[in-house]
Protein backbone atom coordinates (compact mmCIF):
# COMPACT_ATOMS: atom_id res chain seq x y z
CA UNK A 1 5.21 7.53 -46.36
CA UNK A 2 7.95 8.33 -43.93
CA UNK A 3 11.50 8.97 -44.96
CA UNK A 4 13.98 6.12 -44.64
CA UNK A 5 17.43 6.82 -43.34
CA UNK A 6 20.37 5.43 -45.21
CA UNK A 7 22.48 3.36 -42.87
CA UNK A 8 25.05 2.02 -45.29
CA UNK A 9 23.89 -1.55 -44.65
CA UNK A 10 24.10 -1.26 -40.86
CA UNK A 11 21.18 -2.18 -38.66
CA UNK A 12 20.00 0.58 -36.40
CA UNK A 13 18.74 -0.72 -33.08
CA UNK A 14 16.32 1.16 -30.96
CA UNK A 15 17.75 1.70 -27.53
CA UNK A 16 15.95 -0.40 -24.96
CA UNK A 17 13.81 1.84 -22.79
CA UNK A 18 13.65 0.63 -19.23
CA UNK A 19 10.82 1.81 -17.08
CA UNK A 20 11.66 2.05 -13.43
CA UNK A 21 9.11 0.47 -11.15
CA UNK A 22 7.77 2.92 -8.58
CA UNK A 23 8.98 2.51 -5.01
CA UNK A 24 6.46 0.83 -2.77
CA UNK A 25 5.45 1.81 0.75
CA UNK A 26 3.78 -0.35 3.39
CA UNK A 27 0.81 0.91 5.35
CA UNK A 28 1.22 -0.30 8.93
CA UNK A 29 -1.54 -0.46 11.56
CA UNK A 30 -0.41 -0.11 15.17
CA UNK A 31 -1.98 -1.73 18.22
CA UNK A 32 -3.51 0.33 20.99
CA UNK A 33 -5.53 -0.46 24.12
CA UNK A 34 -8.82 1.03 22.92
CA UNK A 35 -9.56 0.15 19.29
CA UNK A 36 -11.69 -2.96 19.04
CA UNK A 37 -10.63 -5.96 16.99
CA UNK A 38 -13.94 -5.75 15.12
CA UNK A 39 -13.21 -2.18 14.06
CA UNK A 40 -9.74 -3.11 12.82
CA UNK A 41 -11.27 -5.87 10.68
CA UNK A 42 -13.83 -3.36 9.32
CA UNK A 43 -11.01 -0.94 8.43
CA UNK A 44 -9.07 -3.66 6.64
CA UNK A 45 -12.13 -4.70 4.65
CA UNK A 46 -13.35 -1.17 3.83
CA UNK A 47 -10.13 0.74 3.19
CA UNK A 48 -7.71 -1.99 2.12
CA UNK A 49 -10.33 -4.21 0.42
CA UNK A 50 -9.12 -7.29 2.27
CA UNK A 51 -11.35 -10.37 2.30
CA UNK A 52 -12.49 -11.46 5.78
CA UNK A 53 -9.82 -14.19 6.33
CA UNK A 54 -6.97 -11.83 5.39
CA UNK A 55 -8.47 -9.00 7.45
CA UNK A 56 -8.75 -11.29 10.48
CA UNK A 57 -5.15 -12.53 10.04
CA UNK A 58 -3.77 -8.97 9.81
CA UNK A 59 -5.88 -7.84 12.79
CA UNK A 60 -4.44 -10.72 14.87
CA UNK A 61 -0.93 -9.73 13.79
CA UNK A 62 -1.61 -6.17 14.97
CA UNK A 63 -3.06 -7.47 18.23
CA UNK A 64 -0.30 -9.97 19.01
CA UNK A 65 2.78 -8.31 17.52
CA UNK A 66 1.85 -4.66 17.96
CA UNK A 67 1.75 -3.88 14.24
CA UNK A 68 0.62 -5.36 10.96
CA UNK A 69 1.17 -4.61 7.27
CA UNK A 70 -2.06 -3.80 5.41
CA UNK A 71 -0.48 -3.63 1.96
CA UNK A 72 2.24 -2.10 -0.21
CA UNK A 73 1.36 0.85 -2.46
CA UNK A 74 2.90 3.76 -4.29
CA UNK A 75 3.58 6.59 -1.87
CA UNK A 76 0.55 8.77 -2.66
CA UNK A 77 -1.82 5.82 -2.41
CA UNK A 78 -0.26 4.65 0.86
CA UNK A 79 -0.61 8.14 2.36
CA UNK A 80 -4.22 8.40 1.20
CA UNK A 81 -5.10 5.04 2.78
CA UNK A 82 -3.36 5.93 6.06
CA UNK A 83 -5.29 9.23 6.13
CA UNK A 84 -8.53 7.30 5.49
CA UNK A 85 -7.75 5.06 8.50
CA UNK A 86 -7.26 8.11 10.73
CA UNK A 87 -10.44 9.77 9.49
CA UNK A 88 -12.60 6.67 9.98
CA UNK A 89 -11.08 5.99 13.40
CA UNK A 90 -11.66 9.58 14.48
CA UNK A 91 -15.32 9.36 13.34
CA UNK A 92 -15.82 6.22 15.44
CA UNK A 93 -13.88 7.54 18.45
CA UNK A 94 -10.89 5.19 18.22
CA UNK A 95 -7.20 6.15 18.40
CA UNK A 96 -6.15 3.65 15.69
CA UNK A 97 -2.87 4.74 14.06
CA UNK A 98 -1.53 3.96 10.61
CA UNK A 99 1.92 4.82 9.37
CA UNK A 100 3.69 4.59 6.01
CA UNK A 101 7.12 2.97 5.71
CA UNK A 102 9.21 2.16 2.66
CA UNK A 103 8.71 -1.48 1.70
CA UNK A 104 11.69 -3.81 1.52
CA UNK A 105 11.09 -5.19 -1.93
């Protein structure tokens, strides 16, 4: 058995360990004049795993407001997803752009 420390009747408290939540970053899709709405929906479903209604809503936000938030992730994940958007868009011949911005949480 482990050794017990003598405390002289005092109660030793373990210091509370606080774990900092990681900072989150939004992946933003930007509107352009060439990428089709259908392709944007496909990207949102395939890369960001959005169900069809959410993908359509975000696509319309991109179309009407010029940009739309796809999701908030830890930095490395956000960068990876933005890179995946660029790669898929390049393969299909679209200039779709995704950027990463710190989320206001």
